[in-house]
């Protein structure tokens, strides 16, 4: 099922404003459950978790910053 451009824009905004902070808090909470690992291992864990969420939502974010491909082209000719 392909999402429309407007749906992808709204979903990406929702993911960035709500989902990402929830993901960050949950990642920090999960790492805090265990004894604190060495700093390089902790950094590696956060880097991997940061890349994972991006790959999960890659299809939602792809092309969102471009112009709407479904919008009618503006053909104003004021000559």
Protein backbone atom coordinates (compact mmCIF):
# COMPACT_ATOMS: atom_id res chain seq x y z
CA UNK A 1 0.00 0.00 0.00
CA UNK A 2 1.55 3.28 -1.14
CA UNK A 3 1.02 6.29 1.06
CA UNK A 4 0.06 9.60 -0.51
CA UNK A 5 2.39 12.57 -0.23
CA UNK A 6 0.17 14.37 2.31
CA UNK A 7 -0.13 11.23 4.43
CA UNK A 8 3.64 10.74 4.43
CA UNK A 9 4.20 14.38 5.43
CA UNK A 10 1.74 14.15 8.32
CA UNK A 11 3.05 10.79 9.44
CA UNK A 12 6.66 11.98 9.32
CA UNK A 13 5.75 15.02 11.43
CA UNK A 14 3.99 12.79 13.95
CA UNK A 15 6.98 10.44 14.07
CA UNK A 16 9.44 13.30 14.63
CA UNK A 17 7.37 15.17 17.23
CA UNK A 18 5.98 12.24 19.21
CA UNK A 19 7.66 9.00 18.20
CA UNK A 20 11.28 10.09 18.27
CA UNK A 21 11.19 11.53 21.82
CA UNK A 22 9.39 8.39 23.03
CA UNK A 23 12.02 6.25 21.27
CA UNK A 24 14.86 8.24 22.87
CA UNK A 25 13.39 7.98 26.37
CA UNK A 26 12.76 4.27 25.97
CA UNK A 27 16.29 3.65 24.65
CA UNK A 28 17.83 5.53 27.58
CA UNK A 29 15.56 3.70 30.02
CA UNK A 30 16.46 0.29 28.63
CA UNK A 31 20.20 1.03 28.80
CA UNK A 32 19.75 2.35 32.36
CA UNK A 33 18.19 -0.95 33.49
CA UNK A 34 21.59 -2.60 33.31
CA UNK A 35 24.83 -1.65 34.97
CA UNK A 36 26.36 1.23 33.03
CA UNK A 37 28.60 -0.16 30.28
CA UNK A 38 31.91 1.41 29.28
CA UNK A 39 31.44 4.74 27.53
CA UNK A 40 32.45 3.47 24.07
CA UNK A 41 30.02 0.55 24.28
CA UNK A 42 27.27 2.88 25.46
CA UNK A 43 28.01 5.22 22.56
CA UNK A 44 27.89 2.29 20.14
CA UNK A 45 24.52 1.18 21.55
CA UNK A 46 23.03 4.65 21.08
CA UNK A 47 24.49 4.95 17.58
CA UNK A 48 23.00 1.60 16.55
CA UNK A 49 19.62 2.48 18.04
CA UNK A 50 19.75 5.86 16.28
CA UNK A 51 20.36 4.25 12.91
CA UNK A 52 17.73 1.54 13.45
CA UNK A 53 14.82 3.95 13.81
CA UNK A 54 15.90 5.78 10.66
CA UNK A 55 15.89 2.57 8.63
CA UNK A 56 12.51 1.58 10.02
CA UNK A 57 10.89 4.79 8.80
CA UNK A 58 12.94 5.35 5.65
CA UNK A 59 9.94 4.82 3.36
CA UNK A 60 7.90 7.40 5.27
CA UNK A 61 10.57 10.11 5.13
CA UNK A 62 11.65 9.54 1.53
CA UNK A 63 10.75 12.52 -0.67
CA UNK A 64 8.97 14.50 2.05
CA UNK A 65 11.22 17.54 1.63
CA UNK A 66 10.49 17.81 -2.09
CA UNK A 67 7.54 19.46 -3.78
CA UNK A 68 4.25 17.58 -3.90
CA UNK A 69 4.38 15.37 -6.99
CA UNK A 70 0.56 15.09 -7.04
CA UNK A 71 -0.07 18.85 -6.97
CA UNK A 72 -1.16 20.50 -10.22
CA UNK A 73 1.56 22.56 -11.80
CA UNK A 74 1.11 26.32 -11.66
CA UNK A 75 0.88 27.57 -15.23
CA UNK A 76 0.51 31.31 -14.62
CA UNK A 77 1.25 33.31 -17.72
CA UNK A 78 0.93 37.02 -17.04
CA UNK A 79 2.11 38.22 -20.44
